[in-house]
Amino acid sequence: MENYKTWFKDKDDYKIKSKLIRDHFQKILKGDSVLVLNYEKKGMPGYIGGNVLMEMAMAFWHKKPIYILNPVSGNAPLKEEIFGMRPIFLNGDITKIS
């Protein structure tokens, strides 16, 4: 992570982070849906962090289906917002994507 998250050491590099966010948003606009690959992270099964939540919000705003691969942890801090976007939970089975 330290190799590319240079903004942690040099705040002027947040322009790189901004570009990455904009690039992801452009991909969401071009796509038909969003697939969230929410594997365990930081000891939390089905982890979804801030960046993914922003991407989900972009898809939600543009009325694109949001698929989430794994269940979200019951104690996930962003659970209310995640469920509010009415995603389709795949429970590990990507063949459920229509």
PDB file of N, CA and C in Angstrom:
ATOM      1  N   MET A   1       0.811  -1.195   0.000  1.00  0.00           N
ATOM      2  CA  MET A   1       0.000   0.000   0.000  1.00  0.00           C
ATOM      3  C   MET A   1       0.856   1.262   0.000  1.00  0.00           C
ATOM      4  N   GLU A   2       1.902   1.247   0.734  1.00  0.00           N
ATOM      5  CA  GLU A   2       2.739   2.427   0.853  1.00  0.00           C
ATOM      6  C   GLU A   2       3.342   2.845  -0.481  1.00  0.00           C
ATOM      7  N   ASN A   3       3.434   1.908  -1.424  1.00  0.00           N
ATOM      8  CA  ASN A   3       4.011   2.229  -2.726  1.00  0.00           C
ATOM      9  C   ASN A   3       3.139   3.167  -3.540  1.00  0.00           C
ATOM     10  N   TYR A   4       1.835   3.091  -3.361  1.00  0.00           N
ATOM     11  CA  TYR A   4       0.990   3.952  -4.168  1.00  0.00           C
ATOM     12  C   TYR A   4       0.178   4.954  -3.348  1.00  0.00           C
ATOM     13  N   LYS A   5       0.029   4.769  -2.083  1.00  0.00           N
ATOM     14  CA  LYS A   5      -0.696   5.740  -1.258  1.00  0.00           C
ATOM     15  C   LYS A   5       0.270   6.804  -0.754  1.00  0.00           C
ATOM     16  N   THR A   6       0.867   7.495  -1.706  1.00  0.00           N
ATOM     17  CA  THR A   6       1.887   8.483  -1.380  1.00  0.00           C
ATOM     18  C   THR A   6       1.317   9.693  -0.660  1.00  0.00           C
ATOM     19  N   TRP A   7       0.011   9.896  -0.730  1.00  0.00           N
ATOM     20  CA  TRP A   7      -0.622  11.046  -0.075  1.00  0.00           C
ATOM     21  C   TRP A   7      -0.513  10.971   1.445  1.00  0.00           C
ATOM     22  N   PHE A   8      -0.247   9.769   1.983  1.00  0.00           N
ATOM     23  CA  PHE A   8      -0.038   9.668   3.430  1.00  0.00           C
ATOM     24  C   PHE A   8       1.214  10.423   3.866  1.00  0.00           C
ATOM     25  N   LYS A   9       2.196  10.472   2.997  1.00  0.00           N
ATOM     26  CA  LYS A   9       3.449  11.152   3.321  1.00  0.00           C
ATOM     27  C   LYS A   9       3.524  12.558   2.738  1.00  0.00           C
ATOM     28  N   ASP A  10       2.826  12.777   1.638  1.00  0.00           N
ATOM     29  CA  ASP A  10       2.886  14.078   0.961  1.00  0.00           C
ATOM     30  C   ASP A  10       1.464  14.521   0.623  1.00  0.00           C
ATOM     31  N   LYS A  11       0.930  15.443   1.404  1.00  0.00           N
ATOM     32  CA  LYS A  11      -0.464  15.855   1.228  1.00  0.00           C
ATOM     33  C   LYS A  11      -0.751  16.409  -0.165  1.00  0.00           C
ATOM     34  N   ASP A  12       0.268  16.899  -0.853  1.00  0.00           N
ATOM     35  CA  ASP A  12       0.056  17.379  -2.220  1.00  0.00           C
ATOM     36  C   ASP A  12      -0.317  16.243  -3.168  1.00  0.00           C
ATOM     37  N   ASP A  13      -0.007  15.020  -2.774  1.00  0.00           N
ATOM     38  CA  ASP A  13      -0.342  13.866  -3.604  1.00  0.00           C
ATOM     39  C   ASP A  13      -1.809  13.449  -3.502  1.00  0.00           C
ATOM     40  N   TYR A  14      -2.592  14.149  -2.697  1.00  0.00           N
ATOM     41  CA  TYR A  14      -4.022  13.850  -2.677  1.00  0.00           C
ATOM     42  C   TYR A  14      -4.650  14.084  -4.044  1.00  0.00           C
ATOM     43  N   LYS A  15      -3.975  14.825  -4.914  1.00  0.00           N
ATOM     44  CA  LYS A  15      -4.472  14.987  -6.293  1.00  0.00           C
ATOM     45  C   LYS A  15      -4.502  13.625  -6.989  1.00  0.00           C
ATOM     46  N   ILE A  16      -3.597  12.729  -6.614  1.00  0.00           N
ATOM     47  CA  ILE A  16      -3.590  11.371  -7.170  1.00  0.00           C
ATOM     48  C   ILE A  16      -4.836  10.625  -6.701  1.00  0.00           C
ATOM     49  N   LYS A  17      -5.124  10.733  -5.412  1.00  0.00           N
ATOM     50  CA  LYS A  17      -6.318  10.084  -4.857  1.00  0.00           C
ATOM     51  C   LYS A  17      -7.569  10.621  -5.541  1.00  0.00           C
ATOM     52  N   SER A  18      -7.627  11.929  -5.746  1.00  0.00           N
ATOM     53  CA  SER A  18      -8.771  12.533  -6.433  1.00  0.00           C
ATOM     54  C   SER A  18      -8.956  11.950  -7.824  1.00  0.00           C
ATOM     55  N   LYS A  19      -7.859  11.791  -8.545  1.00  0.00           N
ATOM     56  CA  LYS A  19      -7.923  11.226  -9.896  1.00  0.00           C
ATOM     57  C   LYS A  19      -8.422   9.784  -9.854  1.00  0.00           C
ATOM     58  N   LEU A  20      -7.953   9.015  -8.904  1.00  0.00           N
ATOM     59  CA  LEU A  20      -8.397   7.624  -8.780  1.00  0.00           C
ATOM     60  C   LEU A  20      -9.907   7.548  -8.518  1.00  0.00           C
ATOM     61  N   ILE A  21     -10.403   8.406  -7.648  1.00  0.00           N
ATOM     62  CA  ILE A  21     -11.845   8.430  -7.357  1.00  0.00           C
ATOM     63  C   ILE A  21     -12.621   8.794  -8.615  1.00  0.00           C
ATOM     64  N   ARG A  22     -12.194   9.843  -9.309  1.00  0.00           N
ATOM     65  CA  ARG A  22     -12.882  10.254 -10.544  1.00  0.00           C
ATOM     66  C   ARG A  22     -12.849   9.148 -11.601  1.00  0.00           C
ATOM     67  N   ASP A  23     -11.722   8.462 -11.721  1.00  0.00           N
ATOM     68  CA  ASP A  23     -11.610   7.363 -12.684  1.00  0.00           C
ATOM     69  C   ASP A  23     -12.601   6.244 -12.354  1.00  0.00           C
ATOM     70  N   HIS A  24     -12.718   5.927 -11.079  1.00  0.00           N
ATOM     71  CA  HIS A  24     -13.669   4.879 -10.675  1.00  0.00           C
ATOM     72  C   HIS A  24     -15.103   5.319 -10.966  1.00  0.00           C
ATOM     73  N   PHE A  25     -15.417   6.572 -10.687  1.00  0.00           N
ATOM     74  CA  PHE A  25     -16.762   7.071 -10.970  1.00  0.00           C
ATOM     75  C   PHE A  25     -17.072   6.986 -12.466  1.00  0.00           C
ATOM     76  N   GLN A  26     -16.097   7.309 -13.317  1.00  0.00           N
ATOM     77  CA  GLN A  26     -16.300   7.208 -14.761  1.00  0.00           C
ATOM     78  C   GLN A  26     -16.603   5.768 -15.177  1.00  0.00           C
ATOM     79  N   LYS A  27     -15.909   4.812 -14.572  1.00  0.00           N
ATOM     80  CA  LYS A  27     -16.153   3.397 -14.878  1.00  0.00           C
ATOM     81  C   LYS A  27     -17.564   2.995 -14.462  1.00  0.00           C
ATOM     82  N   ILE A  28     -18.023   3.519 -13.339  1.00  0.00           N
ATOM     83  CA  ILE A  28     -19.375   3.209 -12.881  1.00  0.00           C
ATOM     84  C   ILE A  28     -20.394   3.755 -13.872  1.00  0.00           C
ATOM     85  N   LEU A  29     -20.177   4.971 -14.352  1.00  0.00           N
ATOM     86  CA  LEU A  29     -21.113   5.567 -15.310  1.00  0.00           C
ATOM     87  C   LEU A  29     -21.162   4.781 -16.611  1.00  0.00           C
ATOM     88  N   LYS A  30     -20.037   4.221 -17.024  1.00  0.00           N
ATOM     89  CA  LYS A  30     -19.982   3.449 -18.270  1.00  0.00           C
ATOM     90  C   LYS A  30     -20.577   2.057 -18.120  1.00  0.00           C
ATOM     91  N   GLY A  31     -20.552   1.512 -16.920  1.00  0.00           N
ATOM     92  CA  GLY A  31     -20.996   0.136 -16.704  1.00  0.00           C
ATOM     93  C   GLY A  31     -22.499   0.010 -16.532  1.00  0.00           C
ATOM     94  N   ASP A  32     -22.939  -1.236 -16.524  1.00  0.00           N
ATOM     95  CA  ASP A  32     -24.363  -1.531 -16.351  1.00  0.00           C
ATOM     96  C   ASP A  32     -24.737  -1.732 -14.888  1.00  0.00           C
ATOM     97  N   SER A  33     -23.761  -2.125 -14.080  1.00  0.00           N
ATOM     98  CA  SER A  33     -24.008  -2.398 -12.667  1.00  0.00           C
ATOM     99  C   SER A  33     -22.678  -2.335 -11.924  1.00  0.00           C
ATOM    100  N   VAL A  34     -22.750  -2.512 -10.611  1.00  0.00           N
ATOM    101  CA  VAL A  34     -21.550  -2.527  -9.771  1.00  0.00           C
ATOM    102  C   VAL A  34     -21.534  -3.840  -9.000  1.00  0.00           C
ATOM    103  N   LEU A  35     -20.378  -4.487  -8.990  1.00  0.00           N
ATOM    104  CA  LEU A  35     -20.176  -5.695  -8.193  1.00  0.00           C
ATOM    105  C   LEU A  35     -19.180  -5.372  -7.096  1.00  0.00           C
ATOM    106  N   VAL A  36     -19.626  -5.470  -5.857  1.00  0.00           N
ATOM    107  CA  VAL A  36     -18.779  -5.198  -4.700  1.00  0.00           C
ATOM    108  C   VAL A  36     -18.189  -6.518  -4.215  1.00  0.00           C
ATOM    109  N   LEU A  37     -16.873  -6.603  -4.233  1.00  0.00           N
ATOM    110  CA  LEU A  37     -16.173  -7.799  -3.750  1.00  0.00           C
ATOM    111  C   LEU A  37     -15.742  -7.525  -2.316  1.00  0.00           C
ATOM    112  N   ASN A  38     -16.621  -7.804  -1.408  1.00  0.00           N
ATOM    113  CA  ASN A  38     -16.408  -7.442  -0.005  1.00  0.00           C
ATOM    114  C   ASN A  38     -15.908  -8.637   0.805  1.00  0.00           C
ATOM    115  N   TYR A  39     -14.630  -8.869   0.690  1.00  0.00           N
ATOM    116  CA  TYR A  39     -13.994  -9.940   1.453  1.00  0.00           C
ATOM    117  C   TYR A  39     -13.670  -9.438   2.864  1.00  0.00           C
ATOM    118  N   GLU A  40     -13.229 -10.335   3.707  1.00  0.00           N
ATOM    119  CA  GLU A  40     -12.853  -9.945   5.062  1.00  0.00           C
ATOM    120  C   GLU A  40     -11.658  -8.996   5.026  1.00  0.00           C
ATOM    121  N   LYS A  41     -11.745  -7.962   5.836  1.00  0.00           N
ATOM    122  CA  LYS A  41     -10.662  -6.994   5.957  1.00  0.00           C
ATOM    123  C   LYS A  41     -10.730  -6.388   7.353  1.00  0.00           C
ATOM    124  N   LYS A  42      -9.584  -6.146   7.924  1.00  0.00           N
ATOM    125  CA  LYS A  42      -9.516  -5.556   9.262  1.00  0.00           C
ATOM    126  C   LYS A  42     -10.287  -6.399  10.281  1.00  0.00           C
ATOM    127  N   GLY A  43     -10.302  -7.716  10.057  1.00  0.00           N
ATOM    128  CA  GLY A  43     -10.992  -8.626  10.962  1.00  0.00           C
ATOM    129  C   GLY A  43     -12.513  -8.609  10.850  1.00  0.00           C
ATOM    130  N   MET A  44     -13.046  -7.939   9.828  1.00  0.00           N
ATOM    131  CA  MET A  44     -14.491  -7.847   9.668  1.00  0.00           C
ATOM    132  C   MET A  44     -14.927  -8.570   8.392  1.00  0.00           C
ATOM    133  N   PRO A  45     -15.723  -9.629   8.534  1.00  0.00           N
ATOM    134  CA  PRO A  45     -16.240 -10.310   7.339  1.00  0.00           C
ATOM    135  C   PRO A  45     -17.151  -9.373   6.544  1.00  0.00           C
ATOM    136  N   GLY A  46     -17.085  -9.457   5.236  1.00  0.00           N
ATOM    137  CA  GLY A  46     -17.952  -8.652   4.380  1.00  0.00           C
ATOM    138  C   GLY A  46     -17.679  -7.164   4.468  1.00  0.00           C
ATOM    139  N   TYR A  47     -16.432  -6.803   4.662  1.00  0.00           N
ATOM    140  CA  TYR A  47     -16.036  -5.402   4.869  1.00  0.00           C
ATOM    141  C   TYR A  47     -16.348  -4.524   3.659  1.00  0.00           C
ATOM    142  N   ILE A  48     -16.938  -3.376   3.924  1.00  0.00           N
ATOM    143  CA  ILE A  48     -17.130  -2.339   2.911  1.00  0.00           C
ATOM    144  C   ILE A  48     -16.669  -1.032   3.542  1.00  0.00           C
ATOM    145  N   GLY A  49     -15.687  -0.396   2.912  1.00  0.00           N
ATOM    146  CA  GLY A  49     -15.132   0.845   3.438  1.00  0.00           C
ATOM    147  C   GLY A  49     -15.685   2.070   2.737  1.00  0.00           C
ATOM    148  N   GLY A  50     -15.119   3.179   3.081  1.00  0.00           N
ATOM    149  CA  GLY A  50     -15.589   4.466   2.580  1.00  0.00           C
ATOM    150  C   GLY A  50     -15.536   4.623   1.074  1.00  0.00           C
ATOM    151  N   ASN A  51     -14.441   4.200   0.450  1.00  0.00           N
ATOM    152  CA  ASN A  51     -14.339   4.344  -1.009  1.00  0.00           C
ATOM    153  C   ASN A  51     -15.412   3.531  -1.726  1.00  0.00           C
ATOM    154  N   VAL A  52     -15.608   2.305  -1.289  1.00  0.00           N
ATOM    155  CA  VAL A  52     -16.611   1.458  -1.935  1.00  0.00           C
ATOM    156  C   VAL A  52     -18.006   2.019  -1.689  1.00  0.00           C
ATOM    157  N   LEU A  53     -18.236   2.541  -0.490  1.00  0.00           N
ATOM    158  CA  LEU A  53     -19.539   3.143  -0.215  1.00  0.00           C
ATOM    159  C   LEU A  53     -19.799   4.316  -1.163  1.00  0.00           C
ATOM    160  N   MET A  54     -18.766   5.125  -1.441  1.00  0.00           N
ATOM    161  CA  MET A  54     -18.935   6.232  -2.392  1.00  0.00           C
ATOM    162  C   MET A  54     -19.261   5.696  -3.785  1.00  0.00           C
ATOM    163  N   GLU A  55     -18.603   4.635  -4.193  1.00  0.00           N
ATOM    164  CA  GLU A  55     -18.861   4.047  -5.510  1.00  0.00           C
ATOM    165  C   GLU A  55     -20.276   3.476  -5.571  1.00  0.00           C
ATOM    166  N   MET A  56     -20.699   2.848  -4.481  1.00  0.00           N
ATOM    167  CA  MET A  56     -22.065   2.345  -4.423  1.00  0.00           C
ATOM    168  C   MET A  56     -23.066   3.488  -4.519  1.00  0.00           C
ATOM    169  N   ALA A  57     -22.774   4.595  -3.846  1.00  0.00           N
ATOM    170  CA  ALA A  57     -23.668   5.753  -3.882  1.00  0.00           C
ATOM    171  C   ALA A  57     -23.777   6.314  -5.296  1.00  0.00           C
ATOM    172  N   MET A  58     -22.665   6.345  -6.015  1.00  0.00           N
ATOM    173  CA  MET A  58     -22.687   6.809  -7.404  1.00  0.00           C
ATOM    174  C   MET A  58     -23.591   5.897  -8.242  1.00  0.00           C
ATOM    175  N   ALA A  59     -23.429   4.598  -8.086  1.00  0.00           N
ATOM    176  CA  ALA A  59     -24.272   3.644  -8.822  1.00  0.00           C
ATOM    177  C   ALA A  59     -25.732   3.810  -8.429  1.00  0.00           C
ATOM    178  N   PHE A  60     -25.981   3.961  -7.141  1.00  0.00           N
ATOM    179  CA  PHE A  60     -27.345   4.133  -6.639  1.00  0.00           C
ATOM    180  C   PHE A  60     -27.983   5.377  -7.248  1.00  0.00           C
ATOM    181  N   TRP A  61     -27.253   6.479  -7.254  1.00  0.00           N
ATOM    182  CA  TRP A  61     -27.765   7.741  -7.787  1.00  0.00           C
ATOM    183  C   TRP A  61     -28.110   7.610  -9.269  1.00  0.00           C
ATOM    184  N   HIS A  62     -27.330   6.803  -9.983  1.00  0.00           N
ATOM    185  CA  HIS A  62     -27.552   6.615 -11.420  1.00  0.00           C
ATOM    186  C   HIS A  62     -28.417   5.393 -11.716  1.00  0.00           C
ATOM    187  N   LYS A  63     -29.064   4.875 -10.674  1.00  0.00           N
ATOM    188  CA  LYS A  63     -30.040   3.778 -10.797  1.00  0.00           C
ATOM    189  C   LYS A  63     -29.453   2.516 -11.430  1.00  0.00           C
ATOM    190  N   LYS A  64     -28.221   2.212 -11.066  1.00  0.00           N
ATOM    191  CA  LYS A  64     -27.558   1.002 -11.551  1.00  0.00           C
ATOM    192  C   LYS A  64     -27.635  -0.062 -10.466  1.00  0.00           C
ATOM    193  N   PRO A  65     -27.893  -1.302 -10.836  1.00  0.00           N
ATOM    194  CA  PRO A  65     -27.941  -2.366  -9.825  1.00  0.00           C
ATOM    195  C   PRO A  65     -26.600  -2.487  -9.097  1.00  0.00           C
ATOM    196  N   ILE A  66     -26.693  -2.766  -7.810  1.00  0.00           N
ATOM    197  CA  ILE A  66     -25.515  -2.953  -6.973  1.00  0.00           C
ATOM    198  C   ILE A  66     -25.557  -4.374  -6.440  1.00  0.00           C
ATOM    199  N   TYR A  67     -24.561  -5.160  -6.792  1.00  0.00           N
ATOM    200  CA  TYR A  67     -24.443  -6.533  -6.309  1.00  0.00           C
ATOM    201  C   TYR A  67     -23.334  -6.583  -5.264  1.00  0.00           C
ATOM    202  N   ILE A  68     -23.597  -7.276  -4.170  1.00  0.00           N
ATOM    203  CA  ILE A  68     -22.584  -7.435  -3.125  1.00  0.00           C
ATOM    204  C   ILE A  68     -22.327  -8.922  -2.965  1.00  0.00           C
ATOM    205  N   LEU A  69     -21.064  -9.315  -3.115  1.00  0.00           N
ATOM    206  CA  LEU A  69     -20.699 -10.721  -3.130  1.00  0.00           C
ATOM    207  C   LEU A  69     -21.003 -11.441  -1.825  1.00  0.00           C
ATOM    208  N   ASN A  70     -20.612 -10.864  -0.708  1.00  0.00           N
ATOM    209  CA  ASN A  70     -20.761 -11.543   0.581  1.00  0.00           C
ATOM    210  C   ASN A  70     -21.660 -10.754   1.522  1.00  0.00           C
ATOM    211  N   PRO A  71     -22.246 -11.434   2.507  1.00  0.00           N
ATOM    212  CA  PRO A  71     -23.055 -10.706   3.487  1.00  0.00           C
ATOM    213  C   PRO A  71     -22.209  -9.663   4.210  1.00  0.00           C
ATOM    214  N   VAL A  72     -22.857  -8.598   4.636  1.00  0.00           N
ATOM    215  CA  VAL A  72     -22.206  -7.538   5.388  1.00  0.00           C
ATOM    216  C   VAL A  72     -22.304  -7.874   6.868  1.00  0.00           C
ATOM    217  N   SER A  73     -21.223  -7.670   7.581  1.00  0.00           N
ATOM    218  CA  SER A  73     -21.173  -7.952   9.006  1.00  0.00           C
ATOM    219  C   SER A  73     -22.278  -7.206   9.747  1.00  0.00           C
ATOM    220  N   GLY A  74     -22.866  -7.848  10.724  1.00  0.00           N
ATOM    221  CA  GLY A  74     -23.938  -7.240  11.506  1.00  0.00           C
ATOM    222  C   GLY A  74     -23.513  -5.991  12.250  1.00  0.00           C
ATOM    223  N   ASN A  75     -22.229  -5.870  12.542  1.00  0.00           N
ATOM    224  CA  ASN A  75     -21.750  -4.693  13.269  1.00  0.00           C
ATOM    225  C   ASN A  75     -20.980  -3.726  12.360  1.00  0.00           C
ATOM    226  N   ALA A  76     -21.198  -3.822  11.065  1.00  0.00           N
ATOM    227  CA  ALA A  76     -20.525  -2.917  10.118  1.00  0.00           C
ATOM    228  C   ALA A  76     -20.975  -1.487  10.388  1.00  0.00           C
ATOM    229  N   PRO A  77     -20.022  -0.563  10.503  1.00  0.00           N
ATOM    230  CA  PRO A  77     -20.393   0.827  10.818  1.00  0.00           C
ATOM    231  C   PRO A  77     -21.212   1.511   9.721  1.00  0.00           C
ATOM    232  N   LEU A  78     -21.139   1.041   8.492  1.00  0.00           N
ATOM    233  CA  LEU A  78     -21.854   1.674   7.382  1.00  0.00           C
ATOM    234  C   LEU A  78     -23.080   0.858   6.948  1.00  0.00           C
ATOM    235  N   LYS A  79     -23.490  -0.087   7.761  1.00  0.00           N
ATOM    236  CA  LYS A  79     -24.558  -1.023   7.384  1.00  0.00           C
ATOM    237  C   LYS A  79     -25.854  -0.311   6.983  1.00  0.00           C
ATOM    238  N   GLU A  80     -26.242   0.691   7.737  1.00  0.00           N
ATOM    239  CA  GLU A  80     -27.479   1.409   7.447  1.00  0.00           C
ATOM    240  C   GLU A  80     -27.452   2.018   6.047  1.00  0.00           C
ATOM    241  N   GLU A  81     -26.344   2.628   5.683  1.00  0.00           N
ATOM    242  CA  GLU A  81     -26.219   3.244   4.357  1.00  0.00           C
ATOM    243  C   GLU A  81     -26.161   2.176   3.263  1.00  0.00           C
ATOM    244  N   ILE A  82     -25.446   1.089   3.536  1.00  0.00           N
ATOM    245  CA  ILE A  82     -25.338   0.001   2.558  1.00  0.00           C
ATOM    246  C   ILE A  82     -26.720  -0.569   2.261  1.00  0.00           C
ATOM    247  N   PHE A  83     -27.464  -0.918   3.301  1.00  0.00           N
ATOM    248  CA  PHE A  83     -28.784  -1.510   3.109  1.00  0.00           C
ATOM    249  C   PHE A  83     -29.770  -0.509   2.509  1.00  0.00           C
ATOM    250  N   GLY A  84     -29.563   0.779   2.798  1.00  0.00           N
ATOM    251  CA  GLY A  84     -30.444   1.810   2.252  1.00  0.00           C
ATOM    252  C   GLY A  84     -30.376   1.925   0.743  1.00  0.00           C
ATOM    253  N   MET A  85     -29.285   1.453   0.154  1.00  0.00           N
ATOM    254  CA  MET A  85     -29.154   1.495  -1.304  1.00  0.00           C
ATOM    255  C   MET A  85     -29.758   0.265  -1.972  1.00  0.00           C
ATOM    256  N   ARG A  86     -30.331  -0.606  -1.158  1.00  0.00           N
ATOM    257  CA  ARG A  86     -31.058  -1.796  -1.646  1.00  0.00           C
ATOM    258  C   ARG A  86     -30.216  -2.664  -2.583  1.00  0.00           C
ATOM    259  N   PRO A  87     -29.026  -3.063  -2.156  1.00  0.00           N
ATOM    260  CA  PRO A  87     -28.189  -3.915  -3.007  1.00  0.00           C
ATOM    261  C   PRO A  87     -28.745  -5.327  -3.100  1.00  0.00           C
ATOM    262  N   ILE A  88     -28.242  -6.051  -4.060  1.00  0.00           N
ATOM    263  CA  ILE A  88     -28.605  -7.465  -4.239  1.00  0.00           C
ATOM    264  C   ILE A  88     -27.447  -8.284  -3.671  1.00  0.00           C
ATOM    265  N   PHE A  89     -27.731  -9.044  -2.635  1.00  0.00           N
ATOM    266  CA  PHE A  89     -26.694  -9.855  -1.999  1.00  0.00           C
ATOM    267  C   PHE A  89     -26.601 -11.202  -2.704  1.00  0.00           C
ATOM    268  N   LEU A  90     -25.397 -11.563  -3.100  1.00  0.00           N
ATOM    269  CA  LEU A  90     -25.160 -12.784  -3.866  1.00  0.00           C
ATOM    270  C   LEU A  90     -24.791 -13.964  -2.970  1.00  0.00           C
ATOM    271  N   ASN A  91     -24.460 -13.701  -1.731  1.00  0.00           N
ATOM    272  CA  ASN A  91     -24.057 -14.741  -0.787  1.00  0.00           C
ATOM    273  C   ASN A  91     -22.985 -15.673  -1.375  1.00  0.00           C
ATOM    274  N   GLY A  92     -22.008 -15.043  -2.029  1.00  0.00           N
ATOM    275  CA  GLY A  92     -20.872 -15.781  -2.573  1.00  0.00           C
ATOM    276  C   GLY A  92     -21.093 -16.430  -3.925  1.00  0.00           C
ATOM    277  N   ASP A  93     -22.277 -16.269  -4.511  1.00  0.00           N
ATOM    278  CA  ASP A  93     -22.619 -16.941  -5.763  1.00  0.00           C
ATOM    279  C   ASP A  93     -22.812 -15.934  -6.898  1.00  0.00           C
ATOM    280  N   ILE A  94     -21.762 -15.702  -7.686  1.00  0.00           N
ATOM    281  CA  ILE A  94     -21.860 -14.693  -8.763  1.00  0.00           C
ATOM    282  C   ILE A  94     -22.773 -15.127  -9.902  1.00  0.00           C
ATOM    283  N   THR A  95     -23.194 -16.396  -9.930  1.00  0.00           N
ATOM    284  CA  THR A  95     -24.128 -16.830 -10.984  1.00  0.00           C
ATOM    285  C   THR A  95     -25.518 -16.227 -10.768  1.00  0.00           C
ATOM    286  N   LYS A  96     -25.736 -15.588  -9.630  1.00  0.00           N
ATOM    287  CA  LYS A  96     -27.032 -14.934  -9.360  1.00  0.00           C
ATOM    288  C   LYS A  96     -27.152 -13.568 -10.041  1.00  0.00           C
ATOM    289  N   ILE A  97     -26.060 -13.099 -10.651  1.00  0.00           N
ATOM    290  CA  ILE A  97     -26.114 -11.810 -11.343  1.00  0.00           C
ATOM    291  C   ILE A  97     -26.927 -11.977 -12.619  1.00  0.00           C
ATOM    292  N   SER A  98     -27.939 -11.113 -12.756  1.00  0.00           N
ATOM    293  CA  SER A  98     -28.808 -11.224 -13.944  1.00  0.00           C
ATOM    294  C   SER A  98     -28.388 -10.263 -15.029  1.00  0.00           C
TER     295      SER A  98
END
